[in-house]
N, C-alpha and C. Protein backbone atom coordinates (compact mmCIF):
# COMPACT_ATOMS: atom_id res chain seq x y z
N UNK A 1 0.78 12.21 -8.15
CA UNK A 1 0.65 13.47 -7.46
C UNK A 1 1.85 14.34 -7.80
N UNK A 2 1.60 15.58 -8.04
CA UNK A 2 2.65 16.54 -8.41
C UNK A 2 3.15 17.25 -7.16
N UNK A 3 4.45 17.42 -7.06
CA UNK A 3 5.05 18.15 -5.95
C UNK A 3 5.38 19.56 -6.38
N UNK A 4 5.36 20.46 -5.44
CA UNK A 4 5.81 21.82 -5.69
C UNK A 4 7.00 22.10 -4.79
N UNK A 5 7.81 23.05 -5.19
CA UNK A 5 8.96 23.44 -4.40
C UNK A 5 8.73 24.85 -3.89
N UNK A 6 8.95 25.04 -2.60
CA UNK A 6 8.81 26.35 -1.98
C UNK A 6 10.19 26.78 -1.52
N UNK A 7 10.78 27.75 -2.19
CA UNK A 7 12.13 28.17 -1.80
C UNK A 7 12.12 28.90 -0.45
N UNK A 8 13.12 28.61 0.36
CA UNK A 8 13.29 29.26 1.65
C UNK A 8 14.73 29.77 1.70
N UNK A 9 14.90 31.05 1.99
CA UNK A 9 16.24 31.63 2.07
C UNK A 9 16.82 31.39 3.45
N UNK A 10 17.99 30.76 3.47
CA UNK A 10 18.69 30.43 4.71
C UNK A 10 20.10 30.98 4.60
N UNK A 11 20.57 31.68 5.62
CA UNK A 11 21.97 32.12 5.59
C UNK A 11 22.91 30.92 5.47
N UNK A 12 23.87 31.00 4.58
CA UNK A 12 24.75 29.85 4.32
C UNK A 12 25.53 29.41 5.56
N UNK A 13 25.83 30.34 6.45
CA UNK A 13 26.59 29.95 7.64
C UNK A 13 25.74 29.14 8.62
N UNK A 14 24.43 29.13 8.43
CA UNK A 14 23.57 28.34 9.29
C UNK A 14 23.85 26.85 9.14
N UNK A 15 24.12 26.41 7.91
CA UNK A 15 24.45 25.00 7.68
C UNK A 15 25.73 24.62 8.42
N UNK A 16 26.70 25.53 8.42
CA UNK A 16 27.94 25.27 9.14
C UNK A 16 27.67 25.23 10.64
N UNK A 17 26.88 26.18 11.13
CA UNK A 17 26.55 26.23 12.55
C UNK A 17 25.85 24.96 12.99
N UNK A 18 24.92 24.49 12.18
CA UNK A 18 24.15 23.28 12.52
C UNK A 18 24.90 22.00 12.19
N UNK A 19 25.97 22.13 11.40
CA UNK A 19 26.72 20.97 10.94
C UNK A 19 25.81 19.98 10.22
N UNK A 20 24.98 20.52 9.32
CA UNK A 20 24.04 19.71 8.55
C UNK A 20 24.16 20.05 7.07
N UNK A 21 23.77 19.09 6.26
CA UNK A 21 23.72 19.33 4.82
C UNK A 21 22.40 20.02 4.48
N UNK A 22 22.31 20.51 3.27
CA UNK A 22 21.05 21.12 2.83
C UNK A 22 19.91 20.12 2.91
N UNK A 23 20.17 18.87 2.54
CA UNK A 23 19.14 17.83 2.56
C UNK A 23 18.68 17.55 3.98
N UNK A 24 19.61 17.51 4.92
CA UNK A 24 19.24 17.27 6.32
C UNK A 24 18.39 18.41 6.87
N UNK A 25 18.77 19.65 6.55
CA UNK A 25 17.99 20.80 7.00
C UNK A 25 16.61 20.80 6.36
N UNK A 26 16.54 20.45 5.08
CA UNK A 26 15.25 20.37 4.39
C UNK A 26 14.35 19.34 5.07
N UNK A 27 14.93 18.20 5.44
CA UNK A 27 14.17 17.16 6.11
C UNK A 27 13.65 17.64 7.46
N UNK A 28 14.48 18.35 8.20
CA UNK A 28 14.05 18.92 9.49
C UNK A 28 12.90 19.90 9.30
N UNK A 29 13.03 20.76 8.29
CA UNK A 29 11.97 21.73 8.01
C UNK A 29 10.66 21.03 7.67
N UNK A 30 10.73 20.04 6.79
CA UNK A 30 9.51 19.33 6.39
C UNK A 30 8.84 18.67 7.58
N UNK A 31 9.64 18.04 8.43
CA UNK A 31 9.08 17.38 9.61
C UNK A 31 8.47 18.40 10.56
N UNK A 32 9.18 19.49 10.80
CA UNK A 32 8.68 20.53 11.72
C UNK A 32 7.38 21.14 11.21
N UNK A 33 7.30 21.40 9.92
CA UNK A 33 6.08 21.98 9.35
C UNK A 33 4.93 20.98 9.43
N UNK A 34 5.21 19.71 9.13
CA UNK A 34 4.18 18.68 9.21
C UNK A 34 3.65 18.55 10.64
N UNK A 35 4.55 18.56 11.62
CA UNK A 35 4.14 18.47 13.02
C UNK A 35 3.29 19.67 13.39
N UNK A 36 3.72 20.86 13.00
CA UNK A 36 2.99 22.08 13.35
C UNK A 36 1.58 22.07 12.74
N UNK A 37 1.48 21.70 11.47
CA UNK A 37 0.17 21.69 10.80
C UNK A 37 -0.74 20.60 11.37
N UNK A 38 -0.16 19.47 11.76
CA UNK A 38 -0.94 18.41 12.41
C UNK A 38 -1.45 18.90 13.76
N UNK A 39 -0.56 19.52 14.53
CA UNK A 39 -0.94 20.00 15.87
C UNK A 39 -2.02 21.07 15.78
N UNK A 40 -2.00 21.89 14.74
CA UNK A 40 -3.02 22.93 14.55
C UNK A 40 -4.32 22.36 13.99
N UNK A 41 -4.32 21.08 13.64
CA UNK A 41 -5.52 20.46 13.10
C UNK A 41 -5.75 20.76 11.63
N UNK A 42 -4.74 21.28 10.96
CA UNK A 42 -4.87 21.61 9.54
C UNK A 42 -4.59 20.42 8.64
N UNK A 43 -3.85 19.42 9.17
CA UNK A 43 -3.57 18.19 8.42
C UNK A 43 -3.95 16.99 9.26
N UNK A 44 -4.47 15.97 8.60
CA UNK A 44 -4.68 14.69 9.27
C UNK A 44 -3.31 14.07 9.50
N UNK A 45 -3.28 13.04 10.32
CA UNK A 45 -1.98 12.39 10.57
C UNK A 45 -1.42 11.80 9.28
N UNK A 46 -2.29 11.27 8.43
CA UNK A 46 -1.84 10.69 7.16
C UNK A 46 -1.19 11.72 6.25
N UNK A 47 -1.82 12.88 6.13
CA UNK A 47 -1.27 13.94 5.28
C UNK A 47 0.00 14.53 5.90
N UNK A 48 0.04 14.63 7.23
CA UNK A 48 1.23 15.14 7.90
C UNK A 48 2.41 14.19 7.68
N UNK A 49 2.14 12.89 7.76
CA UNK A 49 3.18 11.90 7.50
C UNK A 49 3.68 12.03 6.07
N UNK A 50 2.75 12.20 5.14
CA UNK A 50 3.11 12.37 3.73
C UNK A 50 4.00 13.59 3.55
N UNK A 51 3.64 14.71 4.16
CA UNK A 51 4.43 15.93 4.05
C UNK A 51 5.81 15.76 4.69
N UNK A 52 5.86 15.07 5.81
CA UNK A 52 7.13 14.92 6.53
C UNK A 52 8.14 14.07 5.78
N UNK A 53 7.64 13.13 4.98
CA UNK A 53 8.53 12.21 4.29
C UNK A 53 9.03 11.08 5.17
N UNK A 54 8.47 10.98 6.37
CA UNK A 54 8.85 9.94 7.31
C UNK A 54 7.89 8.75 7.20
N UNK A 55 8.27 7.65 7.83
CA UNK A 55 7.34 6.54 7.96
C UNK A 55 6.36 6.90 9.08
N UNK A 56 5.28 6.15 9.18
CA UNK A 56 4.31 6.42 10.24
C UNK A 56 4.97 6.28 11.62
N UNK A 57 5.77 5.23 11.79
CA UNK A 57 6.45 5.03 13.07
C UNK A 57 7.37 6.21 13.39
N UNK A 58 8.16 6.64 12.41
CA UNK A 58 9.09 7.76 12.62
C UNK A 58 8.33 9.04 12.97
N UNK A 59 7.20 9.28 12.29
CA UNK A 59 6.43 10.50 12.55
C UNK A 59 5.80 10.44 13.94
N UNK A 60 5.24 9.30 14.30
CA UNK A 60 4.65 9.16 15.64
C UNK A 60 5.72 9.32 16.72
N UNK A 61 6.92 8.83 16.45
CA UNK A 61 8.03 9.01 17.39
C UNK A 61 8.39 10.49 17.51
N UNK A 62 8.39 11.22 16.39
CA UNK A 62 8.66 12.65 16.41
C UNK A 62 7.59 13.39 17.21
N UNK A 63 6.33 12.97 17.06
CA UNK A 63 5.25 13.58 17.85
C UNK A 63 5.48 13.31 19.33
N UNK A 64 5.82 12.08 19.67
CA UNK A 64 6.05 11.72 21.07
C UNK A 64 7.23 12.51 21.65
N UNK A 65 8.29 12.65 20.86
CA UNK A 65 9.46 13.41 21.32
C UNK A 65 9.12 14.87 21.60
N UNK A 66 8.10 15.38 20.89
CA UNK A 66 7.67 16.76 21.07
C UNK A 66 6.44 16.87 21.98
N UNK A 67 6.10 15.74 22.62
CA UNK A 67 4.97 15.67 23.57
C UNK A 67 3.65 16.14 22.93
N UNK A 68 3.45 15.69 21.69
CA UNK A 68 2.22 16.02 20.96
C UNK A 68 1.41 14.74 20.85
N UNK A 69 0.18 14.73 21.37
CA UNK A 69 -0.64 13.51 21.30
C UNK A 69 -1.06 13.20 19.87
N UNK A 70 -1.14 11.93 19.58
CA UNK A 70 -1.57 11.49 18.26
C UNK A 70 -3.06 11.71 18.09
N UNK A 71 -3.80 11.53 19.16
CA UNK A 71 -5.24 11.69 19.13
C UNK A 71 -5.66 12.91 19.94
N UNK A 72 -6.68 13.58 19.47
CA UNK A 72 -7.19 14.74 20.19
C UNK A 72 -8.25 14.37 21.21
N UNK A 73 -8.45 13.06 21.42
CA UNK A 73 -9.47 12.64 22.38
C UNK A 73 -9.02 12.91 23.80
N UNK A 74 -9.96 13.36 24.62
CA UNK A 74 -9.64 13.51 26.04
C UNK A 74 -10.08 12.24 26.77
N UNK A 75 -9.76 12.15 28.06
CA UNK A 75 -10.04 10.92 28.81
C UNK A 75 -11.54 10.64 28.90
N UNK A 76 -12.37 11.68 28.99
CA UNK A 76 -13.83 11.46 29.04
C UNK A 76 -14.33 10.82 27.75
N UNK A 77 -13.81 11.27 26.62
CA UNK A 77 -14.23 10.70 25.35
C UNK A 77 -13.79 9.24 25.24
N UNK A 78 -12.60 8.95 25.69
CA UNK A 78 -12.10 7.57 25.64
C UNK A 78 -12.96 6.67 26.53
N UNK A 79 -13.26 7.13 27.74
CA UNK A 79 -14.08 6.33 28.65
C UNK A 79 -15.49 6.14 28.10
N UNK A 80 -16.01 7.14 27.45
CA UNK A 80 -17.33 7.03 26.82
C UNK A 80 -17.31 5.95 25.73
N UNK A 81 -16.24 5.95 24.94
CA UNK A 81 -16.09 4.93 23.89
C UNK A 81 -15.96 3.54 24.50
N UNK A 82 -15.24 3.43 25.62
CA UNK A 82 -15.07 2.14 26.30
C UNK A 82 -16.45 1.63 26.76
N UNK A 83 -17.26 2.51 27.33
CA UNK A 83 -18.59 2.11 27.79
C UNK A 83 -19.46 1.67 26.62
N UNK A 84 -19.38 2.36 25.52
CA UNK A 84 -20.16 1.98 24.34
C UNK A 84 -19.73 0.61 23.83
N UNK A 85 -18.43 0.35 23.85
CA UNK A 85 -17.94 -0.96 23.40
C UNK A 85 -18.38 -2.09 24.32
N UNK A 86 -18.49 -1.80 25.60
CA UNK A 86 -18.96 -2.82 26.55
C UNK A 86 -20.39 -3.24 26.26
N UNK A 87 -21.19 -2.31 25.72
CA UNK A 87 -22.60 -2.58 25.43
C UNK A 87 -22.78 -3.40 24.15
N UNK A 88 -21.75 -3.57 23.38
CA UNK A 88 -21.88 -4.31 22.12
C UNK A 88 -21.94 -5.81 22.34
């Protein structure tokens, strides 16, 4: 798979303010964009993990820290699935 680079202009003093390296800020950006696109339903969790550069555990932890559910199922859907499984 081929990667592309998307340049983003950041004021140089921002790195000093955040006390982060360019690589750390890039990692934060990638994770934030992956979370946002996952939350909007534009990426599956697998693709969002791929974009973030994190492991699945790390990405799920980032979702939890941001109070974003991994699944879009509501409680009625879960209970419906439970009832269907009981019938098997």
